[in-house]
């Protein structure tokens, strides 16, 4: 979950309940999203909830847990799209100290 999405959840919670969303609650939400994605893909995985810059969080988590490799999904984008919006997959490929397997999304 990106920080921007977290902020949106936080603002919505404050408007509705006058309370902030706890970070652990957000992590549980993102873990649920990850579990649903793994189930939908039909793969065995250990879902985790991370909050922050996606590429940084993925690389840090893999390093902290001594992962043998990291698997990330990707999609084909134009050169302009990459330049304007960046790429989590590209950042993980460049920043990871372990092998990265990229699985491209079928269009």
Protein backbone atom coordinates (compact mmCIF):
# COMPACT_ATOMS: atom_id res chain seq x y z
CA UNK A 1 0.00 0.00 0.00
CA UNK A 2 1.44 3.34 -0.94
CA UNK A 3 1.72 6.24 1.47
CA UNK A 4 -0.82 8.17 -0.61
CA UNK A 5 -3.38 5.38 -0.25
CA UNK A 6 -2.65 5.22 3.46
CA UNK A 7 -3.22 8.97 3.78
CA UNK A 8 -6.56 8.64 1.97
CA UNK A 9 -7.65 5.90 4.38
CA UNK A 10 -6.52 8.03 7.29
CA UNK A 11 -8.48 11.08 6.12
CA UNK A 12 -11.59 8.99 5.51
CA UNK A 13 -11.35 7.42 8.95
CA UNK A 14 -10.95 10.80 10.65
CA UNK A 15 -13.97 12.20 8.79
CA UNK A 16 -16.16 9.22 9.70
CA UNK A 17 -14.96 8.35 13.22
CA UNK A 18 -12.72 11.20 14.39
CA UNK A 19 -10.03 8.55 14.90
CA UNK A 20 -6.91 7.70 13.00
CA UNK A 21 -6.36 4.34 11.38
CA UNK A 22 -3.78 2.32 13.27
CA UNK A 23 -0.75 1.23 11.30
CA UNK A 24 -1.36 -2.38 12.32
CA UNK A 25 -4.90 -2.12 10.92
CA UNK A 26 -3.51 -0.87 7.63
CA UNK A 27 -0.95 -3.67 7.54
CA UNK A 28 -3.74 -6.20 8.12
CA UNK A 29 -5.72 -4.66 5.23
CA UNK A 30 -2.75 -4.85 2.88
CA UNK A 31 -2.02 -8.40 3.99
CA UNK A 32 -5.61 -9.30 3.08
CA UNK A 33 -5.18 -7.71 -0.35
CA UNK A 34 -1.98 -9.72 -0.87
CA UNK A 35 -3.71 -12.95 0.25
CA UNK A 36 -6.59 -12.33 -2.16
CA UNK A 37 -4.15 -11.70 -5.02
CA UNK A 38 -2.25 -14.94 -4.27
CA UNK A 39 -5.51 -16.91 -4.11
CA UNK A 40 -6.71 -15.39 -7.38
CA UNK A 41 -3.40 -16.26 -9.05
CA UNK A 42 -3.52 -19.79 -7.64
CA UNK A 43 -0.08 -19.56 -6.06
CA UNK A 44 1.21 -20.50 -2.65
CA UNK A 45 2.59 -17.44 -0.89
CA UNK A 46 3.00 -15.85 2.50
CA UNK A 47 1.14 -12.54 2.34
CA UNK A 48 2.51 -9.58 4.27
CA UNK A 49 1.22 -6.06 4.73
CA UNK A 50 3.74 -3.32 4.02
CA UNK A 51 3.22 0.43 4.01
CA UNK A 52 5.47 2.90 2.23
CA UNK A 53 7.26 3.17 -1.08
CA UNK A 54 6.48 -0.19 -2.74
CA UNK A 55 9.93 -0.81 -4.23
CA UNK A 56 11.77 0.19 -1.06
CA UNK A 57 9.49 -1.94 1.10
CA UNK A 58 9.86 -5.00 -1.15
CA UNK A 59 13.65 -4.75 -1.28
CA UNK A 60 13.93 -4.12 2.48
CA UNK A 61 11.58 -6.96 3.38
CA UNK A 62 13.45 -9.42 1.16
CA UNK A 63 16.78 -8.35 2.66
CA UNK A 64 15.54 -8.50 6.27
CA UNK A 65 14.15 -12.00 5.73
CA UNK A 66 17.18 -13.35 3.85
CA UNK A 67 15.08 -14.19 0.80
CA UNK A 68 16.78 -16.28 -1.86
CA UNK A 69 15.05 -14.30 -4.59
CA UNK A 70 12.16 -11.91 -5.18
CA UNK A 71 9.30 -12.34 -7.64
CA UNK A 72 7.58 -9.21 -8.95
CA UNK A 73 4.86 -8.69 -11.51
CA UNK A 74 5.22 -6.29 -14.35
CA UNK A 75 3.37 -4.92 -17.33
CA UNK A 76 4.52 -3.54 -20.62
CA UNK A 77 4.60 0.25 -20.76
CA UNK A 78 5.80 2.79 -23.23
CA UNK A 79 9.08 4.60 -22.67
CA UNK A 80 7.12 7.79 -21.95
CA UNK A 81 4.97 5.98 -19.38
CA UNK A 82 8.07 4.67 -17.63
CA UNK A 83 9.67 8.11 -17.58
CA UNK A 84 6.57 9.85 -16.23
CA UNK A 85 5.41 7.33 -13.68
CA UNK A 86 8.46 5.27 -12.79
CA UNK A 87 8.23 1.55 -12.24
CA UNK A 88 8.13 -0.46 -9.04
CA UNK A 89 9.37 -3.49 -10.96
CA UNK A 90 12.25 -1.54 -12.48
CA UNK A 91 13.24 -0.11 -9.09
CA UNK A 92 13.21 -3.56 -7.48
CA UNK A 93 15.31 -4.94 -10.34
CA UNK A 94 17.87 -2.16 -9.92
CA UNK A 95 17.96 -2.02 -6.11
CA UNK A 96 17.70 -5.65 -5.01
CA UNK A 97 20.86 -7.42 -3.93
CA UNK A 98 19.32 -10.81 -4.69
CA UNK A 99 18.00 -12.31 -7.95
CA UNK A 100 14.65 -10.90 -9.11
CA UNK A 101 12.21 -12.88 -11.22
CA UNK A 102 9.82 -10.72 -13.25
CA UNK A 103 6.49 -12.14 -14.40
CA UNK A 104 4.89 -10.00 -17.08
CA UNK A 105 1.15 -9.41 -17.04
CA UNK A 106 -0.67 -10.69 -20.11
CA UNK A 107 -2.48 -7.84 -21.86
